[in-house]
N, C-alpha and C. Protein backbone atom coordinates (compact mmCIF):
# COMPACT_ATOMS: atom_id res chain seq x y z
N MET A 1 48.32 154.20 148.24
CA MET A 1 49.31 154.58 147.25
C MET A 1 50.69 154.24 147.79
N VAL A 2 51.55 153.79 146.94
CA VAL A 2 52.90 153.46 147.31
C VAL A 2 53.70 154.74 147.48
N ALA A 3 54.47 154.83 148.55
CA ALA A 3 55.26 156.04 148.80
C ALA A 3 56.19 156.31 147.63
N GLY A 4 56.20 157.55 147.16
CA GLY A 4 57.08 157.95 146.07
C GLY A 4 56.59 157.58 144.69
N ALA A 5 55.46 156.91 144.58
CA ALA A 5 54.95 156.52 143.26
C ALA A 5 53.84 157.46 142.86
N SER A 6 53.78 157.78 141.57
CA SER A 6 52.68 158.60 141.08
C SER A 6 51.45 157.71 140.95
N ALA A 7 50.29 158.33 140.86
CA ALA A 7 49.05 157.55 140.71
C ALA A 7 49.10 156.68 139.46
N GLN A 8 49.74 157.18 138.41
CA GLN A 8 49.81 156.44 137.15
C GLN A 8 50.70 155.20 137.28
N ASP A 9 51.72 155.26 138.15
CA ASP A 9 52.65 154.15 138.32
C ASP A 9 52.27 153.21 139.46
N ALA A 10 51.24 153.51 140.22
CA ALA A 10 50.92 152.80 141.45
C ALA A 10 50.84 151.28 141.32
N PRO A 11 50.33 150.69 140.24
CA PRO A 11 50.27 149.22 140.22
C PRO A 11 51.60 148.56 139.87
N LEU A 12 52.62 149.34 139.54
CA LEU A 12 53.89 148.76 139.15
C LEU A 12 54.53 148.05 140.33
N GLY A 13 55.18 146.91 140.05
CA GLY A 13 55.84 146.15 141.11
C GLY A 13 55.42 144.70 141.08
N ARG A 14 55.76 144.01 142.16
CA ARG A 14 55.51 142.56 142.26
C ARG A 14 54.27 142.31 143.12
N TRP A 15 53.40 141.43 142.61
CA TRP A 15 52.14 141.12 143.27
C TRP A 15 51.99 139.60 143.41
N LYS A 16 51.61 139.17 144.60
CA LYS A 16 51.33 137.76 144.85
C LYS A 16 49.88 137.51 144.46
N THR A 17 49.67 136.61 143.50
CA THR A 17 48.31 136.29 143.07
C THR A 17 47.71 135.29 144.04
N ILE A 18 46.43 135.46 144.33
CA ILE A 18 45.72 134.60 145.27
C ILE A 18 44.57 133.94 144.52
N ASP A 19 44.50 132.61 144.57
CA ASP A 19 43.43 131.86 143.92
C ASP A 19 42.10 132.24 144.56
N ASP A 20 41.14 132.73 143.77
CA ASP A 20 39.86 133.17 144.32
C ASP A 20 39.03 132.01 144.83
N ALA A 21 39.29 130.78 144.39
CA ALA A 21 38.53 129.61 144.85
C ALA A 21 39.10 129.04 146.15
N THR A 22 40.44 128.96 146.26
CA THR A 22 41.07 128.32 147.41
C THR A 22 41.63 129.29 148.44
N GLY A 23 41.88 130.55 148.02
CA GLY A 23 42.50 131.51 148.91
C GLY A 23 44.00 131.33 149.06
N GLN A 24 44.58 130.40 148.30
CA GLN A 24 46.01 130.10 148.39
C GLN A 24 46.81 130.90 147.36
N PRO A 25 48.06 131.27 147.71
CA PRO A 25 48.92 131.97 146.74
C PRO A 25 49.25 131.05 145.56
N LYS A 26 49.23 131.62 144.35
CA LYS A 26 49.51 130.83 143.14
C LYS A 26 50.81 131.20 142.47
N SER A 27 51.06 132.51 142.37
CA SER A 27 52.24 132.96 141.64
C SER A 27 52.58 134.39 142.06
N VAL A 28 53.69 134.87 141.51
CA VAL A 28 54.05 136.28 141.66
C VAL A 28 54.08 136.86 140.25
N VAL A 29 53.35 137.96 140.08
CA VAL A 29 53.30 138.67 138.80
C VAL A 29 53.99 140.02 138.97
N GLU A 30 54.89 140.33 138.06
CA GLU A 30 55.54 141.64 138.06
C GLU A 30 54.81 142.52 137.06
N ILE A 31 54.26 143.62 137.55
CA ILE A 31 53.58 144.58 136.69
C ILE A 31 54.57 145.69 136.34
N TYR A 32 54.66 145.99 135.05
CA TYR A 32 55.66 146.94 134.55
C TYR A 32 55.05 147.80 133.46
N ARG A 33 55.77 148.86 133.12
CA ARG A 33 55.34 149.74 132.04
C ARG A 33 55.88 149.18 130.73
N ALA A 34 55.00 148.91 129.78
CA ALA A 34 55.39 148.40 128.46
C ALA A 34 55.96 149.53 127.61
N ARG A 35 56.57 149.17 126.52
CA ARG A 35 57.19 150.17 125.63
C ARG A 35 56.20 151.21 125.13
N ASP A 36 54.94 150.80 124.94
CA ASP A 36 53.94 151.75 124.43
C ASP A 36 53.33 152.61 125.53
N GLY A 37 53.83 152.48 126.77
CA GLY A 37 53.33 153.27 127.89
C GLY A 37 52.20 152.62 128.66
N SER A 38 51.67 151.52 128.15
CA SER A 38 50.60 150.82 128.87
C SER A 38 51.20 149.99 130.01
N ILE A 39 50.33 149.40 130.81
CA ILE A 39 50.73 148.53 131.92
C ILE A 39 50.62 147.08 131.44
N ALA A 40 51.62 146.28 131.78
CA ALA A 40 51.63 144.86 131.44
C ALA A 40 52.13 144.09 132.66
N GLY A 41 51.96 142.78 132.63
CA GLY A 41 52.43 141.96 133.75
C GLY A 41 52.85 140.59 133.28
N ARG A 42 53.94 140.07 133.89
CA ARG A 42 54.42 138.73 133.56
C ARG A 42 54.60 137.93 134.84
N VAL A 43 54.43 136.61 134.71
CA VAL A 43 54.64 135.70 135.83
C VAL A 43 56.15 135.59 136.06
N VAL A 44 56.59 135.88 137.29
CA VAL A 44 58.02 135.79 137.60
C VAL A 44 58.33 134.67 138.58
N GLU A 45 57.29 134.13 139.22
CA GLU A 45 57.51 133.04 140.16
C GLU A 45 56.24 132.20 140.28
N ILE A 46 56.41 130.88 140.35
CA ILE A 46 55.29 129.96 140.56
C ILE A 46 55.31 129.55 142.02
N LEU A 47 54.22 129.76 142.75
CA LEU A 47 54.13 129.39 144.16
C LEU A 47 53.34 128.11 144.37
N ASP A 48 52.36 127.86 143.52
CA ASP A 48 51.56 126.64 143.59
C ASP A 48 52.29 125.58 142.76
N LEU A 49 52.96 124.66 143.44
CA LEU A 49 53.85 123.71 142.75
C LEU A 49 53.18 122.39 142.41
N LYS A 50 51.85 122.33 142.43
CA LYS A 50 51.17 121.06 142.12
C LYS A 50 51.51 120.54 140.72
N ASP A 51 51.84 121.44 139.78
CA ASP A 51 52.20 121.04 138.42
C ASP A 51 53.70 121.21 138.16
N GLY A 52 54.49 121.37 139.24
CA GLY A 52 55.93 121.52 139.10
C GLY A 52 56.35 122.97 139.23
N PRO A 53 57.67 123.21 139.25
CA PRO A 53 58.17 124.57 139.48
C PRO A 53 58.00 125.52 138.29
N ASN A 54 57.84 124.99 137.09
CA ASN A 54 57.65 125.85 135.92
C ASN A 54 56.83 125.11 134.87
N PRO A 55 55.54 124.92 135.16
CA PRO A 55 54.72 124.14 134.23
C PRO A 55 54.51 124.85 132.90
N PRO A 56 54.28 124.07 131.84
CA PRO A 56 53.96 124.68 130.54
C PRO A 56 52.50 125.11 130.50
N CYS A 57 52.21 126.04 129.62
CA CYS A 57 50.82 126.48 129.43
C CYS A 57 50.16 125.52 128.44
N LYS A 58 49.64 124.42 128.98
CA LYS A 58 49.02 123.38 128.15
C LYS A 58 47.73 123.86 127.48
N ALA A 59 46.98 124.73 128.16
CA ALA A 59 45.69 125.19 127.62
C ALA A 59 45.83 126.36 126.66
N CYS A 60 47.00 126.99 126.62
CA CYS A 60 47.19 128.15 125.74
C CYS A 60 47.12 127.71 124.28
N LYS A 61 46.68 128.62 123.46
CA LYS A 61 46.54 128.37 122.02
C LYS A 61 47.69 129.02 121.26
N GLY A 62 47.90 128.59 120.03
CA GLY A 62 48.85 129.22 119.13
C GLY A 62 50.27 129.18 119.65
N PRO A 63 51.02 130.28 119.47
CA PRO A 63 52.44 130.27 119.83
C PRO A 63 52.70 130.15 121.33
N LEU A 64 51.70 130.38 122.17
CA LEU A 64 51.90 130.25 123.62
C LEU A 64 51.73 128.81 124.12
N HIS A 65 51.16 127.95 123.28
CA HIS A 65 50.93 126.56 123.69
C HIS A 65 52.25 125.89 124.07
N GLY A 66 52.31 125.35 125.28
CA GLY A 66 53.48 124.64 125.75
C GLY A 66 54.60 125.53 126.28
N LYS A 67 54.45 126.84 126.18
CA LYS A 67 55.47 127.76 126.71
C LYS A 67 55.45 127.70 128.24
N PRO A 68 56.61 127.87 128.87
CA PRO A 68 56.64 127.90 130.34
C PRO A 68 55.80 129.06 130.87
N ILE A 69 55.06 128.79 131.95
CA ILE A 69 54.22 129.84 132.53
C ILE A 69 55.10 130.91 133.17
N ARG A 70 56.22 130.52 133.81
CA ARG A 70 57.13 131.52 134.36
C ARG A 70 57.72 132.30 133.19
N GLY A 71 57.58 133.61 133.22
CA GLY A 71 58.04 134.47 132.13
C GLY A 71 56.93 134.87 131.17
N LEU A 72 55.78 134.20 131.26
CA LEU A 72 54.66 134.46 130.35
C LEU A 72 53.99 135.80 130.69
N VAL A 73 53.77 136.63 129.68
CA VAL A 73 53.03 137.88 129.85
C VAL A 73 51.55 137.53 129.92
N ILE A 74 50.93 137.83 131.06
CA ILE A 74 49.52 137.49 131.25
C ILE A 74 48.61 138.71 131.32
N LEU A 75 49.20 139.91 131.40
CA LEU A 75 48.44 141.17 131.42
C LEU A 75 49.05 142.09 130.39
N TRP A 76 48.22 142.79 129.62
CA TRP A 76 48.77 143.74 128.66
C TRP A 76 47.72 144.78 128.27
N GLY A 77 48.22 145.94 127.86
CA GLY A 77 47.36 146.99 127.29
C GLY A 77 46.55 147.81 128.26
N LEU A 78 46.84 147.76 129.55
CA LEU A 78 46.06 148.52 130.53
C LEU A 78 46.54 149.96 130.61
N ARG A 79 45.57 150.88 130.73
CA ARG A 79 45.88 152.31 130.83
C ARG A 79 45.03 152.91 131.95
N PRO A 80 45.51 154.02 132.54
CA PRO A 80 44.74 154.66 133.62
C PRO A 80 43.30 154.93 133.17
N ASP A 81 42.37 154.66 134.08
CA ASP A 81 40.94 154.78 133.78
C ASP A 81 40.21 155.55 134.87
N GLY A 82 40.93 156.38 135.59
CA GLY A 82 40.27 157.13 136.65
C GLY A 82 41.01 156.93 137.96
N ASP A 83 40.34 157.20 139.04
CA ASP A 83 40.92 157.20 140.38
C ASP A 83 41.37 155.81 140.81
N GLY A 84 42.64 155.50 140.58
CA GLY A 84 43.20 154.23 141.05
C GLY A 84 42.76 153.02 140.27
N THR A 85 42.31 153.19 139.01
CA THR A 85 41.92 152.04 138.19
C THR A 85 42.62 152.10 136.83
N TRP A 86 42.80 150.93 136.23
CA TRP A 86 43.40 150.77 134.91
C TRP A 86 42.53 149.80 134.13
N ALA A 87 42.27 150.09 132.86
CA ALA A 87 41.38 149.26 132.05
C ALA A 87 41.83 149.30 130.59
N GLY A 88 41.06 148.64 129.73
CA GLY A 88 41.32 148.65 128.30
C GLY A 88 42.29 147.59 127.85
N GLY A 89 42.72 146.74 128.76
CA GLY A 89 43.67 145.70 128.39
C GLY A 89 43.06 144.31 128.49
N ARG A 90 43.93 143.33 128.48
CA ARG A 90 43.52 141.92 128.51
C ARG A 90 44.31 141.18 129.58
N VAL A 91 43.75 140.09 130.06
CA VAL A 91 44.42 139.19 131.00
C VAL A 91 44.26 137.76 130.49
N LEU A 92 45.33 137.00 130.52
CA LEU A 92 45.34 135.60 130.10
C LEU A 92 45.27 134.73 131.34
N ASP A 93 44.37 133.75 131.32
CA ASP A 93 44.30 132.75 132.38
C ASP A 93 45.01 131.50 131.87
N PRO A 94 46.23 131.21 132.33
CA PRO A 94 46.96 130.05 131.83
C PRO A 94 46.28 128.71 132.12
N GLU A 95 45.37 128.68 133.09
CA GLU A 95 44.69 127.42 133.41
C GLU A 95 43.72 126.99 132.31
N ASN A 96 43.10 127.98 131.63
CA ASN A 96 42.15 127.60 130.57
C ASN A 96 42.57 128.14 129.20
N GLY A 97 43.65 128.92 129.14
CA GLY A 97 44.17 129.42 127.88
C GLY A 97 43.37 130.55 127.26
N LYS A 98 42.39 131.08 128.00
CA LYS A 98 41.54 132.15 127.46
C LYS A 98 42.00 133.50 127.98
N ASP A 99 41.77 134.54 127.15
CA ASP A 99 42.05 135.89 127.63
C ASP A 99 40.73 136.66 127.75
N TYR A 100 40.74 137.60 128.68
CA TYR A 100 39.54 138.34 129.07
C TYR A 100 39.85 139.83 129.11
N LYS A 101 38.79 140.66 129.06
CA LYS A 101 38.96 142.09 129.31
C LYS A 101 39.45 142.23 130.74
N ALA A 102 40.43 143.11 130.95
CA ALA A 102 41.03 143.24 132.27
C ALA A 102 40.81 144.63 132.85
N LYS A 103 40.71 144.66 134.16
CA LYS A 103 40.63 145.92 134.89
C LYS A 103 41.37 145.73 136.21
N LEU A 104 42.17 146.73 136.57
CA LEU A 104 42.89 146.73 137.83
C LEU A 104 42.39 147.87 138.69
N ALA A 105 42.30 147.64 139.99
CA ALA A 105 41.90 148.68 140.93
C ALA A 105 42.73 148.55 142.20
N LEU A 106 43.38 149.64 142.60
CA LEU A 106 44.13 149.63 143.85
C LEU A 106 43.17 149.58 145.03
N LEU A 107 43.53 148.78 146.01
CA LEU A 107 42.73 148.61 147.22
C LEU A 107 43.64 148.75 148.44
N GLU A 108 43.06 149.00 149.59
CA GLU A 108 43.80 149.02 150.85
C GLU A 108 45.03 149.93 150.79
N ASP A 109 44.85 151.14 150.29
CA ASP A 109 45.95 152.12 150.19
C ASP A 109 47.13 151.59 149.40
N GLY A 110 46.87 150.80 148.35
CA GLY A 110 47.93 150.31 147.48
C GLY A 110 48.57 149.01 147.92
N ARG A 111 48.11 148.42 149.02
CA ARG A 111 48.67 147.15 149.48
C ARG A 111 48.04 145.95 148.78
N ALA A 112 46.90 146.17 148.13
CA ALA A 112 46.19 145.11 147.42
C ALA A 112 45.75 145.63 146.06
N LEU A 113 45.54 144.70 145.16
CA LEU A 113 45.13 145.04 143.80
C LEU A 113 43.97 144.13 143.41
N GLY A 114 42.85 144.73 143.03
CA GLY A 114 41.73 143.96 142.50
C GLY A 114 41.95 143.77 141.02
N MET A 115 42.07 142.52 140.58
CA MET A 115 42.28 142.21 139.17
C MET A 115 41.03 141.51 138.67
N SER A 116 40.31 142.17 137.77
CA SER A 116 39.06 141.61 137.23
C SER A 116 39.26 141.19 135.79
N GLY A 117 38.74 140.01 135.47
CA GLY A 117 38.69 139.54 134.10
C GLY A 117 37.24 139.35 133.71
N CYS A 118 36.83 139.87 132.55
CA CYS A 118 35.42 139.86 132.17
C CYS A 118 35.20 139.34 130.76
N ILE A 119 34.11 138.60 130.59
CA ILE A 119 33.57 138.24 129.29
C ILE A 119 32.15 138.77 129.29
N ALA A 120 31.83 139.63 128.33
CA ALA A 120 30.51 140.28 128.28
C ALA A 120 30.24 140.92 129.64
N PHE A 121 29.17 140.50 130.33
CA PHE A 121 28.81 141.10 131.61
C PHE A 121 29.23 140.24 132.79
N PHE A 122 29.93 139.16 132.54
CA PHE A 122 30.34 138.25 133.60
C PHE A 122 31.80 138.52 133.96
N CYS A 123 32.02 138.88 135.22
CA CYS A 123 33.37 139.21 135.67
C CYS A 123 33.75 138.35 136.87
N ARG A 124 35.04 138.14 136.98
CA ARG A 124 35.60 137.42 138.12
C ARG A 124 36.75 138.26 138.64
N GLN A 125 36.81 138.45 139.95
CA GLN A 125 37.87 139.28 140.52
C GLN A 125 38.74 138.45 141.46
N GLN A 126 40.03 138.68 141.37
CA GLN A 126 40.99 138.15 142.33
C GLN A 126 41.60 139.34 143.05
N ILE A 127 41.98 139.13 144.29
CA ILE A 127 42.70 140.14 145.06
C ILE A 127 44.15 139.70 145.11
N TRP A 128 45.02 140.52 144.59
CA TRP A 128 46.45 140.27 144.61
C TRP A 128 47.06 141.10 145.72
N ARG A 129 48.10 140.60 146.36
CA ARG A 129 48.77 141.29 147.47
C ARG A 129 50.14 141.76 147.04
N ARG A 130 50.47 143.00 147.39
CA ARG A 130 51.79 143.54 147.06
C ARG A 130 52.84 142.72 147.79
N GLU A 131 53.87 142.37 147.06
CA GLU A 131 54.92 141.54 147.65
C GLU A 131 55.96 142.41 148.34
């Protein structure tokens, strides 16, 4: 748990995303409280520069197609779901333009965050590091 933070606010802050396939840092996501009280997150920095410093979301559909990934809201609608977990929201993968059921879980006394995206019974988890 982060010093001075309540359990409900614990995932708030900046997180370095780590590619689950390569183990390399990809971006920094800022997790914040949305107006409706849920947890949301937006990309605030691109670390993997293979596609440039602020690539567009080529795979995104509809109004997000071609929008810059930096500033893009990729997590939304998450609410506390028990001891150190948040669920009920969605996560967008800008690489394929799809969104998935999302779940967050604090790990390592709040220094890491398990971010899971699921379709049906198939889930993929990334470990994000507090910045």
